[in-house]
Each structure stands twice: as C-alpha cells, then as structure tokens.
Amino acid sequence: MKNKTLKIVIAALMAAMTCVATMAIRVPSPTSGYIHLGDGLVLLSGIILGPVYGGIAAGIGSMFADVFSGYAGYAGATFLIKALAAVTGSIVFHTVNTFLLKSVLKVIPVLLAGVTGGIVVTAGYFIFEAFIMNLGTAAAFTGVPFNLVQNLFGIIVSAILLPVLFKIPAVQEFMVKTV
C-alpha cells in the first residue's frame, strides 16, 4: 500500500512538473500548437514511473497545460498522445536498458526512448490536425518540423535531468522497484 501511495504522489508531482515545463516556454507553431520543454518530463514520467503511472502523469500534465494555456481544443488529443508517448518511451527505455546491463545513466536508452516517443507525438498530432481538426494533410505537415524540434528538446531535457534525478536516493529506489 505504501508503494502504491508513493507512486500516486510521484505521478501527481510529475504531472504538475510536466504542466509547468510545458507552460514555461512556449513558441507557437503554424498549426496552433506550440514548442515547449514539457516533452522531457513526459519521457521522464514514463522512465521513472513505468508505462501505466507514467503515461497517466504525462497525459494529465500535458492536457492541463493545454487547458490552462488556451488550447482546450487540443486537450483530449494531447492527453492521449502524450500518454502514449510516455508509455512507448517507458517500454523502449526499460527494454533497451535491460540489454545494456541495467545502467540507467546510459544515453542510448534515453535517446531511443525519446525518438520512439517523439514518433508517437509527431504522428499523433499530424493525424489529429489533418483528420480530426480537418486541416488537411498539407497544413498538418507544416507542424511536423516543429514537433521534431520539440522532440529534440524533450530528449535533451530528459537526458540532462535523468542522471540528476537518479542521484536522489528516493527516486533511485523507487525507479528500481518500478522497473
């Protein structure tokens, strides 16, 4: 019970940090979205909390950032896309990390997790903008380069923060139990 409560508390904290990181620096894109640093926390949510709690934390934090920033029309899609990105990133990170002798501080698992999570984000927003928002594929494609830049920043943020967070004994102990 204590571990589950701790997991919920850390998930809430990751959701809040994802929301703040997403809202702190926003560069608008041509398709009404924006570039931000929150994807680094989306990826870290999946890595630290695992796919279920990490996906929920990433989705909720990102969704609230859209709601609080005036992008409520994107909130539902953002929840789903960012949750799937965290789930994908988590699975890839922990799978690759297992084959690399469980060294969580290696860059390769973070890079591969970020790339696969980034593919989910880029494809997800492309599909949402092209077909759900009915902008058409040409208009939705203009957002792809911005999503790729955002993905790159997310990978950099998570690669920088993971070793720092992993030095905190409680995070290290919790993450080892989560894996």
C-alpha atoms as a PDB file:
ATOM      1  CA  MET A   1       0.000   0.000   0.000  1.00  0.00           C
ATOM      2  CA  LYS A   2       2.799   2.424   0.872  1.00  0.00           C
ATOM      3  CA  ASN A   3       4.492   1.858  -2.505  1.00  0.00           C
ATOM      4  CA  LYS A   4       1.204   2.489  -4.354  1.00  0.00           C
ATOM      5  CA  THR A   5       0.618   5.713  -2.416  1.00  0.00           C
ATOM      6  CA  LEU A   6       4.174   6.830  -3.159  1.00  0.00           C
ATOM      7  CA  LYS A   7       3.655   6.032  -6.836  1.00  0.00           C
ATOM      8  CA  ILE A   8       0.475   8.133  -6.933  1.00  0.00           C
ATOM      9  CA  VAL A   9       2.219  11.039  -5.183  1.00  0.00           C
ATOM     10  CA  ILE A  10       5.182  10.912  -7.572  1.00  0.00           C
ATOM     11  CA  ALA A  11       2.787  10.646 -10.544  1.00  0.00           C
ATOM     12  CA  ALA A  12       0.963  13.761  -9.348  1.00  0.00           C
ATOM     13  CA  LEU A  13       4.279  15.560  -8.933  1.00  0.00           C
ATOM     14  CA  MET A  14       5.397  14.512 -12.426  1.00  0.00           C
ATOM     15  CA  ALA A  15       2.058  15.658 -13.871  1.00  0.00           C
ATOM     16  CA  ALA A  16       2.478  19.065 -12.203  1.00  0.00           C
ATOM     17  CA  MET A  17       6.096  19.381 -13.360  1.00  0.00           C
ATOM     18  CA  THR A  18       5.086  18.374 -16.900  1.00  0.00           C
ATOM     19  CA  CYS A  19       2.380  21.042 -16.896  1.00  0.00           C
ATOM     20  CA  VAL A  20       4.771  23.744 -15.653  1.00  0.00           C
ATOM     21  CA  ALA A  21       7.554  22.739 -18.057  1.00  0.00           C
ATOM     22  CA  THR A  22       5.078  22.800 -20.926  1.00  0.00           C
ATOM     23  CA  MET A  23       3.779  26.251 -19.996  1.00  0.00           C
ATOM     24  CA  ALA A  24       7.085  27.895 -19.016  1.00  0.00           C
ATOM     25  CA  ILE A  25       8.455  28.467 -22.521  1.00  0.00           C
ATOM     26  CA  ARG A  26       6.048  28.333 -25.459  1.00  0.00           C
ATOM     27  CA  VAL A  27       6.934  29.044 -29.061  1.00  0.00           C
ATOM     28  CA  PRO A  28       3.794  28.986 -31.262  1.00  0.00           C
ATOM     29  CA  SER A  29       3.736  26.748 -34.336  1.00  0.00           C
ATOM     30  CA  PRO A  30       1.772  27.458 -37.537  1.00  0.00           C
ATOM     31  CA  THR A  31      -0.886  24.834 -36.769  1.00  0.00           C
ATOM     32  CA  SER A  32      -1.999  26.462 -33.492  1.00  0.00           C
ATOM     33  CA  GLY A  33       0.228  24.242 -31.332  1.00  0.00           C
ATOM     34  CA  TYR A  34       3.470  25.266 -29.661  1.00  0.00           C
ATOM     35  CA  ILE A  35       7.027  24.111 -28.995  1.00  0.00           C
ATOM     36  CA  HIS A  36       7.867  23.599 -25.315  1.00  0.00           C
ATOM     37  CA  LEU A  37      10.160  21.742 -22.905  1.00  0.00           C
ATOM     38  CA  GLY A  38       7.430  19.582 -21.385  1.00  0.00           C
ATOM     39  CA  ASP A  39       8.194  16.542 -23.530  1.00  0.00           C
ATOM     40  CA  GLY A  40      11.330  15.994 -21.474  1.00  0.00           C
ATOM     41  CA  LEU A  41       9.100  15.490 -18.440  1.00  0.00           C
ATOM     42  CA  VAL A  42       6.703  13.344 -20.482  1.00  0.00           C
ATOM     43  CA  LEU A  43       9.594  10.999 -21.240  1.00  0.00           C
ATOM     44  CA  LEU A  44      10.889  11.102 -17.660  1.00  0.00           C
ATOM     45  CA  SER A  45       7.402  10.263 -16.366  1.00  0.00           C
ATOM     46  CA  GLY A  46       7.446   7.065 -18.392  1.00  0.00           C
ATOM     47  CA  ILE A  47      11.011   6.213 -17.435  1.00  0.00           C
ATOM     48  CA  ILE A  48      10.623   6.827 -13.707  1.00  0.00           C
ATOM     49  CA  LEU A  49       7.039   5.676 -13.135  1.00  0.00           C
ATOM     50  CA  GLY A  50       6.713   2.943 -15.737  1.00  0.00           C
ATOM     51  CA  PRO A  51       4.193   2.836 -18.563  1.00  0.00           C
ATOM     52  CA  VAL A  52       0.912   2.958 -16.615  1.00  0.00           C
ATOM     53  CA  TYR A  53       1.511   5.641 -13.995  1.00  0.00           C
ATOM     54  CA  GLY A  54       3.987   7.446 -16.257  1.00  0.00           C
ATOM     55  CA  GLY A  55       1.507   7.539 -19.120  1.00  0.00           C
ATOM     56  CA  ILE A  56      -1.249   8.858 -16.881  1.00  0.00           C
ATOM     57  CA  ALA A  57       1.032  11.521 -15.344  1.00  0.00           C
ATOM     58  CA  ALA A  58       2.358  12.643 -18.736  1.00  0.00           C
ATOM     59  CA  GLY A  59      -1.122  12.783 -20.256  1.00  0.00           C
ATOM     60  CA  ILE A  60      -2.697  14.683 -17.368  1.00  0.00           C
ATOM     61  CA  GLY A  61       0.158  17.191 -17.035  1.00  0.00           C
ATOM     62  CA  SER A  62       0.254  17.903 -20.759  1.00  0.00           C
ATOM     63  CA  MET A  63      -3.532  18.109 -21.002  1.00  0.00           C
ATOM     64  CA  PHE A  64      -3.740  20.624 -18.154  1.00  0.00           C
ATOM     65  CA  ALA A  65      -1.043  22.734 -19.811  1.00  0.00           C
ATOM     66  CA  ASP A  66      -3.226  22.935 -22.925  1.00  0.00           C
ATOM     67  CA  VAL A  67      -6.318  23.814 -20.889  1.00  0.00           C
ATOM     68  CA  PHE A  68      -4.523  26.480 -18.827  1.00  0.00           C
ATOM     69  CA  SER A  69      -2.837  27.956 -21.912  1.00  0.00           C
ATOM     70  CA  GLY A  70      -5.945  28.435 -24.019  1.00  0.00           C
ATOM     71  CA  TYR A  71      -5.517  25.325 -26.194  1.00  0.00           C
ATOM     72  CA  ALA A  72      -8.508  23.415 -24.810  1.00  0.00           C
ATOM     73  CA  GLY A  73      -9.338  22.157 -28.297  1.00  0.00           C
ATOM     74  CA  TYR A  74      -6.133  20.125 -28.190  1.00  0.00           C
ATOM     75  CA  ALA A  75      -6.534  18.873 -24.596  1.00  0.00           C
ATOM     76  CA  GLY A  76      -8.141  15.490 -25.324  1.00  0.00           C
ATOM     77  CA  ALA A  77      -5.739  14.677 -28.142  1.00  0.00           C
ATOM     78  CA  THR A  78      -2.810  15.871 -26.050  1.00  0.00           C
ATOM     79  CA  PHE A  79      -3.797  13.607 -23.164  1.00  0.00           C
ATOM     80  CA  LEU A  80      -3.885  10.567 -25.446  1.00  0.00           C
ATOM     81  CA  ILE A  81      -0.786  11.449 -27.495  1.00  0.00           C
ATOM     82  CA  LYS A  82       1.451  12.325 -24.536  1.00  0.00           C
ATOM     83  CA  ALA A  83       0.254   9.321 -22.525  1.00  0.00           C
ATOM     84  CA  LEU A  84       1.096   7.041 -25.468  1.00  0.00           C
ATOM     85  CA  ALA A  85       4.469   8.769 -25.885  1.00  0.00           C
ATOM     86  CA  ALA A  86       5.304   8.127 -22.204  1.00  0.00           C
ATOM     87  CA  VAL A  87       4.146   4.503 -22.456  1.00  0.00           C
ATOM     88  CA  THR A  88       6.200   3.936 -25.618  1.00  0.00           C
ATOM     89  CA  GLY A  89       9.222   5.731 -24.180  1.00  0.00           C
ATOM     90  CA  SER A  90       8.981   3.723 -20.963  1.00  0.00           C
ATOM     91  CA  ILE A  91       8.812   0.375 -22.720  1.00  0.00           C
ATOM     92  CA  VAL A  92      11.685   1.217 -25.070  1.00  0.00           C
ATOM     93  CA  PHE A  93      13.861   2.685 -22.295  1.00  0.00           C
ATOM     94  CA  HIS A  94      13.466  -0.274 -19.945  1.00  0.00           C
ATOM     95  CA  THR A  95      13.817  -2.853 -22.725  1.00  0.00           C
ATOM     96  CA  VAL A  96      16.991  -1.289 -24.134  1.00  0.00           C
ATOM     97  CA  ASN A  97      18.311  -0.614 -20.634  1.00  0.00           C
ATOM     98  CA  THR A  98      17.898  -4.311 -19.759  1.00  0.00           C
ATOM     99  CA  PHE A  99      20.092  -5.280 -22.706  1.00  0.00           C
ATOM    100  CA  LEU A 100      22.683  -2.665 -21.692  1.00  0.00           C
ATOM    101  CA  LEU A 101      23.212  -4.191 -18.232  1.00  0.00           C
ATOM    102  CA  LYS A 102      20.558  -2.068 -16.481  1.00  0.00           C
ATOM    103  CA  SER A 103      22.713   1.050 -16.436  1.00  0.00           C
ATOM    104  CA  VAL A 104      20.018   3.731 -16.236  1.00  0.00           C
ATOM    105  CA  LEU A 105      22.514   6.514 -16.771  1.00  0.00           C
ATOM    106  CA  LYS A 106      23.418   5.477 -20.316  1.00  0.00           C
ATOM    107  CA  VAL A 107      22.363   7.871 -23.037  1.00  0.00           C
ATOM    108  CA  ILE A 108      21.371   5.217 -25.590  1.00  0.00           C
ATOM    109  CA  PRO A 109      18.171   4.072 -23.796  1.00  0.00           C
ATOM    110  CA  VAL A 110      17.083   7.700 -23.274  1.00  0.00           C
ATOM    111  CA  LEU A 111      17.827   8.582 -26.890  1.00  0.00           C
ATOM    112  CA  LEU A 112      15.932   5.591 -28.297  1.00  0.00           C
ATOM    113  CA  ALA A 113      13.020   6.131 -25.911  1.00  0.00           C
ATOM    114  CA  GLY A 114      12.894   9.804 -26.877  1.00  0.00           C
ATOM    115  CA  VAL A 115      12.970   9.024 -30.586  1.00  0.00           C
ATOM    116  CA  THR A 116      10.160   6.466 -30.366  1.00  0.00           C
ATOM    117  CA  GLY A 117       8.098   8.683 -28.079  1.00  0.00           C
ATOM    118  CA  GLY A 118       8.755  11.550 -30.485  1.00  0.00           C
ATOM    119  CA  ILE A 119       7.449   9.490 -33.390  1.00  0.00           C
ATOM    120  CA  VAL A 120       4.239   8.925 -31.427  1.00  0.00           C
ATOM    121  CA  VAL A 121       3.918  12.668 -30.709  1.00  0.00           C
ATOM    122  CA  THR A 122       4.663  13.767 -34.269  1.00  0.00           C
ATOM    123  CA  ALA A 123       2.380  11.173 -35.876  1.00  0.00           C
ATOM    124  CA  GLY A 124      -0.340  11.748 -33.273  1.00  0.00           C
ATOM    125  CA  TYR A 125      -0.536  15.497 -33.812  1.00  0.00           C
ATOM    126  CA  PHE A 126      -0.296  15.062 -37.586  1.00  0.00           C
ATOM    127  CA  ILE A 127      -3.268  12.683 -37.555  1.00  0.00           C
ATOM    128  CA  PHE A 128      -5.216  14.902 -35.137  1.00  0.00           C
ATOM    129  CA  GLU A 129      -4.625  18.096 -37.117  1.00  0.00           C
ATOM    130  CA  ALA A 130      -5.080  16.555 -40.568  1.00  0.00           C
ATOM    131  CA  PHE A 131      -8.131  14.396 -39.945  1.00  0.00           C
ATOM    132  CA  ILE A 132      -9.822  15.319 -36.653  1.00  0.00           C
ATOM    133  CA  MET A 133      -9.391  19.090 -36.924  1.00  0.00           C
ATOM    134  CA  ASN A 134      -9.819  18.673 -40.693  1.00  0.00           C
ATOM    135  CA  LEU A 135      -6.895  20.976 -41.566  1.00  0.00           C
ATOM    136  CA  GLY A 136      -5.821  18.648 -44.359  1.00  0.00           C
ATOM    137  CA  THR A 137      -2.522  16.848 -44.743  1.00  0.00           C
ATOM    138  CA  ALA A 138      -0.624  19.790 -46.267  1.00  0.00           C
ATOM    139  CA  ALA A 139      -1.498  22.110 -43.383  1.00  0.00           C
ATOM    140  CA  ALA A 140      -0.867  19.421 -40.776  1.00  0.00           C
ATOM    141  CA  PHE A 141       2.508  18.669 -42.344  1.00  0.00           C
ATOM    142  CA  THR A 142       3.658  22.227 -41.558  1.00  0.00           C
ATOM    143  CA  GLY A 143       3.565  21.259 -37.863  1.00  0.00           C
ATOM    144  CA  VAL A 144       5.867  18.243 -38.326  1.00  0.00           C
ATOM    145  CA  PRO A 145       9.174  20.187 -38.268  1.00  0.00           C
ATOM    146  CA  PHE A 146       8.047  21.999 -35.114  1.00  0.00           C
ATOM    147  CA  ASN A 147       7.146  18.712 -33.439  1.00  0.00           C
ATOM    148  CA  LEU A 148      10.547  17.304 -34.408  1.00  0.00           C
ATOM    149  CA  VAL A 149      12.290  20.292 -32.793  1.00  0.00           C
ATOM    150  CA  GLN A 150      10.126  19.848 -29.705  1.00  0.00           C
ATOM    151  CA  ASN A 151      11.067  16.148 -29.611  1.00  0.00           C
ATOM    152  CA  LEU A 152      14.744  17.044 -29.764  1.00  0.00           C
ATOM    153  CA  PHE A 153      14.376  19.429 -26.829  1.00  0.00           C
ATOM    154  CA  GLY A 154      12.484  16.732 -24.912  1.00  0.00           C
ATOM    155  CA  ILE A 155      15.311  14.248 -25.448  1.00  0.00           C
ATOM    156  CA  ILE A 156      17.914  16.804 -24.333  1.00  0.00           C
ATOM    157  CA  VAL A 157      15.914  17.771 -21.227  1.00  0.00           C
ATOM    158  CA  SER A 158      15.371  14.145 -20.191  1.00  0.00           C
ATOM    159  CA  ALA A 159      18.991  13.167 -20.905  1.00  0.00           C
ATOM    160  CA  ILE A 160      20.167  16.033 -18.678  1.00  0.00           C
ATOM    161  CA  LEU A 161      17.640  15.549 -15.859  1.00  0.00           C
ATOM    162  CA  LEU A 162      17.616  11.746 -15.556  1.00  0.00           C
ATOM    163  CA  PRO A 163      21.169  11.433 -14.172  1.00  0.00           C
ATOM    164  CA  VAL A 164      20.453  14.298 -11.754  1.00  0.00           C
ATOM    165  CA  LEU A 165      17.187  12.756 -10.581  1.00  0.00           C
ATOM    166  CA  PHE A 166      18.764   9.332 -10.328  1.00  0.00           C
ATOM    167  CA  LYS A 167      21.229  10.668  -7.734  1.00  0.00           C
ATOM    168  CA  ILE A 168      18.308  11.238  -5.363  1.00  0.00           C
ATOM    169  CA  PRO A 169      18.115   8.040  -3.278  1.00  0.00           C
ATOM    170  CA  ALA A 170      14.303   8.017  -3.092  1.00  0.00           C
ATOM    171  CA  VAL A 171      13.986   8.326  -6.880  1.00  0.00           C
ATOM    172  CA  GLN A 172      16.631   5.671  -7.435  1.00  0.00           C
ATOM    173  CA  GLU A 173      14.975   3.268  -5.009  1.00  0.00           C
ATOM    174  CA  PHE A 174      11.523   3.946  -6.439  1.00  0.00           C
ATOM    175  CA  MET A 175      12.678   3.623 -10.038  1.00  0.00           C
ATOM    176  CA  VAL A 176      14.458   0.340  -9.361  1.00  0.00           C
ATOM    177  CA  LYS A 177      11.237  -1.019  -7.814  1.00  0.00           C
ATOM    178  CA  THR A 178       9.226   0.257 -10.783  1.00  0.00           C
ATOM    179  CA  VAL A 179      11.436  -1.409 -13.402  1.00  0.00           C
END
